[in-house]
Structure formats: structure tokens, C-alpha cells
N, C-alpha and C. Protein backbone atom coordinates (compact mmCIF):
# COMPACT_ATOMS: atom_id res chain seq x y z
N MET A 1 -23.01 -21.80 -50.45
CA MET A 1 -23.25 -20.38 -50.37
C MET A 1 -24.18 -19.97 -51.49
N SER A 2 -25.05 -19.07 -51.21
CA SER A 2 -26.06 -18.63 -52.18
C SER A 2 -25.43 -17.78 -53.28
N GLN A 3 -25.95 -17.96 -54.49
CA GLN A 3 -25.46 -17.19 -55.64
C GLN A 3 -26.03 -15.77 -55.65
N ASN A 4 -27.19 -15.58 -55.07
CA ASN A 4 -27.84 -14.26 -55.06
C ASN A 4 -27.48 -13.53 -53.78
N GLN A 5 -26.44 -12.79 -53.83
CA GLN A 5 -26.04 -12.01 -52.67
C GLN A 5 -26.59 -10.60 -52.81
N GLU A 6 -27.15 -10.11 -51.73
CA GLU A 6 -27.72 -8.77 -51.74
C GLU A 6 -26.91 -7.87 -50.82
N PHE A 7 -26.81 -6.64 -51.21
CA PHE A 7 -26.17 -5.63 -50.39
C PHE A 7 -27.18 -4.53 -50.18
N ARG A 8 -27.62 -4.36 -48.95
CA ARG A 8 -28.65 -3.37 -48.65
C ARG A 8 -28.01 -2.15 -47.99
N VAL A 9 -28.50 -1.02 -48.41
CA VAL A 9 -28.04 0.25 -47.83
C VAL A 9 -29.25 0.94 -47.22
N TYR A 10 -29.14 1.27 -45.96
CA TYR A 10 -30.20 1.99 -45.27
C TYR A 10 -29.73 3.41 -45.02
N LEU A 11 -30.54 4.36 -45.44
CA LEU A 11 -30.21 5.76 -45.24
C LEU A 11 -30.97 6.28 -44.04
N ILE A 12 -30.25 6.84 -43.11
CA ILE A 12 -30.86 7.48 -41.95
C ILE A 12 -30.57 8.96 -42.08
N THR A 13 -31.63 9.72 -42.30
CA THR A 13 -31.45 11.15 -42.52
C THR A 13 -31.55 11.91 -41.19
N LYS A 14 -31.13 13.14 -41.24
CA LYS A 14 -31.21 14.01 -40.06
C LYS A 14 -32.67 14.20 -39.64
N ARG A 15 -33.55 14.26 -40.62
CA ARG A 15 -34.97 14.42 -40.34
C ARG A 15 -35.51 13.23 -39.55
N ASP A 16 -35.08 12.03 -39.91
CA ASP A 16 -35.51 10.83 -39.19
C ASP A 16 -35.04 10.84 -37.75
N ILE A 17 -33.80 11.27 -37.54
CA ILE A 17 -33.26 11.32 -36.18
C ILE A 17 -33.99 12.36 -35.35
N LEU A 18 -34.19 13.55 -35.90
CA LEU A 18 -34.90 14.59 -35.16
C LEU A 18 -36.34 14.19 -34.87
N ARG A 19 -36.97 13.54 -35.84
CA ARG A 19 -38.35 13.09 -35.63
C ARG A 19 -38.41 12.06 -34.51
N PHE A 20 -37.44 11.15 -34.49
CA PHE A 20 -37.40 10.16 -33.42
C PHE A 20 -37.23 10.84 -32.07
N ILE A 21 -36.31 11.79 -32.00
CA ILE A 21 -36.05 12.48 -30.73
C ILE A 21 -37.29 13.22 -30.26
N VAL A 22 -37.93 13.94 -31.16
CA VAL A 22 -39.10 14.72 -30.77
C VAL A 22 -40.26 13.82 -30.37
N VAL A 23 -40.57 12.85 -31.21
CA VAL A 23 -41.76 12.03 -30.95
C VAL A 23 -41.53 11.07 -29.80
N GLU A 24 -40.48 10.29 -29.87
CA GLU A 24 -40.30 9.24 -28.88
C GLU A 24 -39.86 9.76 -27.52
N ILE A 25 -38.93 10.67 -27.50
CA ILE A 25 -38.37 11.08 -26.22
C ILE A 25 -39.15 12.22 -25.60
N ILE A 26 -39.35 13.30 -26.34
CA ILE A 26 -39.99 14.48 -25.74
C ILE A 26 -41.48 14.25 -25.54
N ILE A 27 -42.18 13.85 -26.57
CA ILE A 27 -43.63 13.65 -26.43
C ILE A 27 -43.93 12.45 -25.54
N GLY A 28 -43.10 11.40 -25.64
CA GLY A 28 -43.28 10.25 -24.76
C GLY A 28 -43.12 10.61 -23.30
N SER A 29 -42.14 11.43 -22.99
CA SER A 29 -41.93 11.87 -21.61
C SER A 29 -43.08 12.74 -21.11
N MET A 30 -43.55 13.62 -21.98
CA MET A 30 -44.66 14.49 -21.59
C MET A 30 -45.94 13.69 -21.34
N THR A 31 -46.24 12.74 -22.22
CA THR A 31 -47.46 11.95 -22.01
C THR A 31 -47.34 11.04 -20.80
N TYR A 32 -46.12 10.55 -20.52
CA TYR A 32 -45.92 9.73 -19.32
C TYR A 32 -46.17 10.56 -18.06
N LYS A 33 -45.60 11.76 -18.02
CA LYS A 33 -45.80 12.63 -16.85
C LYS A 33 -47.27 12.98 -16.67
N LEU A 34 -47.95 13.28 -17.76
CA LEU A 34 -49.37 13.59 -17.69
C LEU A 34 -50.17 12.39 -17.18
N ALA A 35 -49.87 11.21 -17.72
CA ALA A 35 -50.59 10.01 -17.28
C ALA A 35 -50.25 9.67 -15.83
N LEU A 36 -49.02 9.93 -15.41
CA LEU A 36 -48.64 9.67 -14.01
C LEU A 36 -49.41 10.60 -13.07
N ASN A 37 -49.60 11.84 -13.48
CA ASN A 37 -50.39 12.76 -12.65
C ASN A 37 -51.86 12.37 -12.62
N LEU A 38 -52.36 11.80 -13.71
CA LEU A 38 -53.76 11.40 -13.75
C LEU A 38 -54.02 10.11 -12.99
N PHE A 39 -53.17 9.09 -13.19
CA PHE A 39 -53.44 7.77 -12.65
C PHE A 39 -52.74 7.49 -11.31
N HIS A 40 -51.66 8.19 -11.00
CA HIS A 40 -50.87 7.95 -9.79
C HIS A 40 -50.39 6.51 -9.72
N ASN A 41 -50.09 5.94 -10.88
CA ASN A 41 -49.62 4.56 -10.96
C ASN A 41 -48.63 4.50 -12.12
N SER A 42 -47.42 4.04 -11.85
CA SER A 42 -46.38 4.06 -12.87
C SER A 42 -46.65 3.07 -14.01
N ILE A 43 -47.29 1.95 -13.71
CA ILE A 43 -47.59 0.98 -14.76
C ILE A 43 -48.64 1.53 -15.72
N LEU A 44 -49.69 2.11 -15.19
CA LEU A 44 -50.71 2.72 -16.04
C LEU A 44 -50.15 3.94 -16.77
N ALA A 45 -49.28 4.68 -16.11
CA ALA A 45 -48.67 5.84 -16.76
C ALA A 45 -47.79 5.41 -17.92
N GLY A 46 -47.04 4.33 -17.76
CA GLY A 46 -46.21 3.82 -18.85
C GLY A 46 -47.05 3.36 -20.01
N ALA A 47 -48.13 2.65 -19.72
CA ALA A 47 -49.03 2.20 -20.79
C ALA A 47 -49.73 3.37 -21.46
N GLY A 48 -50.14 4.35 -20.68
CA GLY A 48 -50.79 5.52 -21.24
C GLY A 48 -49.84 6.36 -22.09
N GLY A 49 -48.60 6.52 -21.62
CA GLY A 49 -47.60 7.25 -22.39
C GLY A 49 -47.28 6.56 -23.70
N TRP A 50 -47.16 5.25 -23.64
CA TRP A 50 -46.89 4.48 -24.85
C TRP A 50 -48.06 4.58 -25.83
N ALA A 51 -49.28 4.43 -25.32
CA ALA A 51 -50.47 4.48 -26.18
C ALA A 51 -50.62 5.85 -26.84
N CYS A 52 -50.38 6.91 -26.10
CA CYS A 52 -50.50 8.25 -26.68
C CYS A 52 -49.43 8.49 -27.74
N THR A 53 -48.21 8.04 -27.48
CA THR A 53 -47.13 8.23 -28.44
C THR A 53 -47.40 7.44 -29.71
N GLU A 54 -47.81 6.19 -29.59
CA GLU A 54 -48.11 5.37 -30.77
C GLU A 54 -49.31 5.92 -31.52
N GLY A 55 -50.32 6.37 -30.80
CA GLY A 55 -51.49 6.96 -31.45
C GLY A 55 -51.13 8.21 -32.22
N LEU A 56 -50.27 9.03 -31.65
CA LEU A 56 -49.84 10.24 -32.34
C LEU A 56 -49.04 9.91 -33.59
N LYS A 57 -48.17 8.91 -33.52
CA LYS A 57 -47.40 8.51 -34.70
C LYS A 57 -48.31 7.99 -35.81
N ARG A 58 -49.32 7.23 -35.45
CA ARG A 58 -50.25 6.70 -36.47
C ARG A 58 -51.14 7.79 -37.03
N LEU A 59 -51.51 8.75 -36.20
CA LEU A 59 -52.31 9.88 -36.67
C LEU A 59 -51.52 10.71 -37.68
N VAL A 60 -50.26 10.94 -37.38
CA VAL A 60 -49.41 11.70 -38.31
C VAL A 60 -49.20 10.93 -39.60
N LYS A 61 -49.06 9.60 -39.50
CA LYS A 61 -48.87 8.77 -40.69
C LYS A 61 -50.11 8.80 -41.58
N LEU A 62 -51.30 8.83 -40.98
CA LEU A 62 -52.53 8.86 -41.76
C LEU A 62 -52.73 10.20 -42.46
N THR A 63 -52.41 11.28 -41.77
CA THR A 63 -52.64 12.60 -42.35
C THR A 63 -51.50 13.04 -43.25
N GLY A 64 -50.30 12.50 -43.06
CA GLY A 64 -49.16 12.97 -43.84
C GLY A 64 -48.73 11.97 -44.78
């Protein structure tokens, strides 16, 4: 057994949970619906929804 034992604590704040709900669920659903109306294909809509959500998260990370 290793002598160096680590105990890690991860804090999940209310802000993190709300941010996840807003970005992943609400914005992801909206971009999926928009892409589905544009492409009329569920595979392309899923990829488009994912790409828009990830792009938005990275844009917010760069500016904030």
C-alpha cells in the first residue's frame, strides 16, 4: 500500500449546477431544435446542437 495517501474534496456549488442546467440542457435543446428545423436530419441536428453548445461554452471561457 502506498505511503502517500491523498484525500480529495470536490466542491460543487449552486452556480455550477445552474450553469450546467442552463448551458447544457436549455441552450443545447434550443440549438438542437433550431438545427433540426434547418437540416431536417436528426444526426446533423445532434451534431449541430453539440457544436453550438461547445462553441458557446468556449466563447464564454475565453471572455470570462
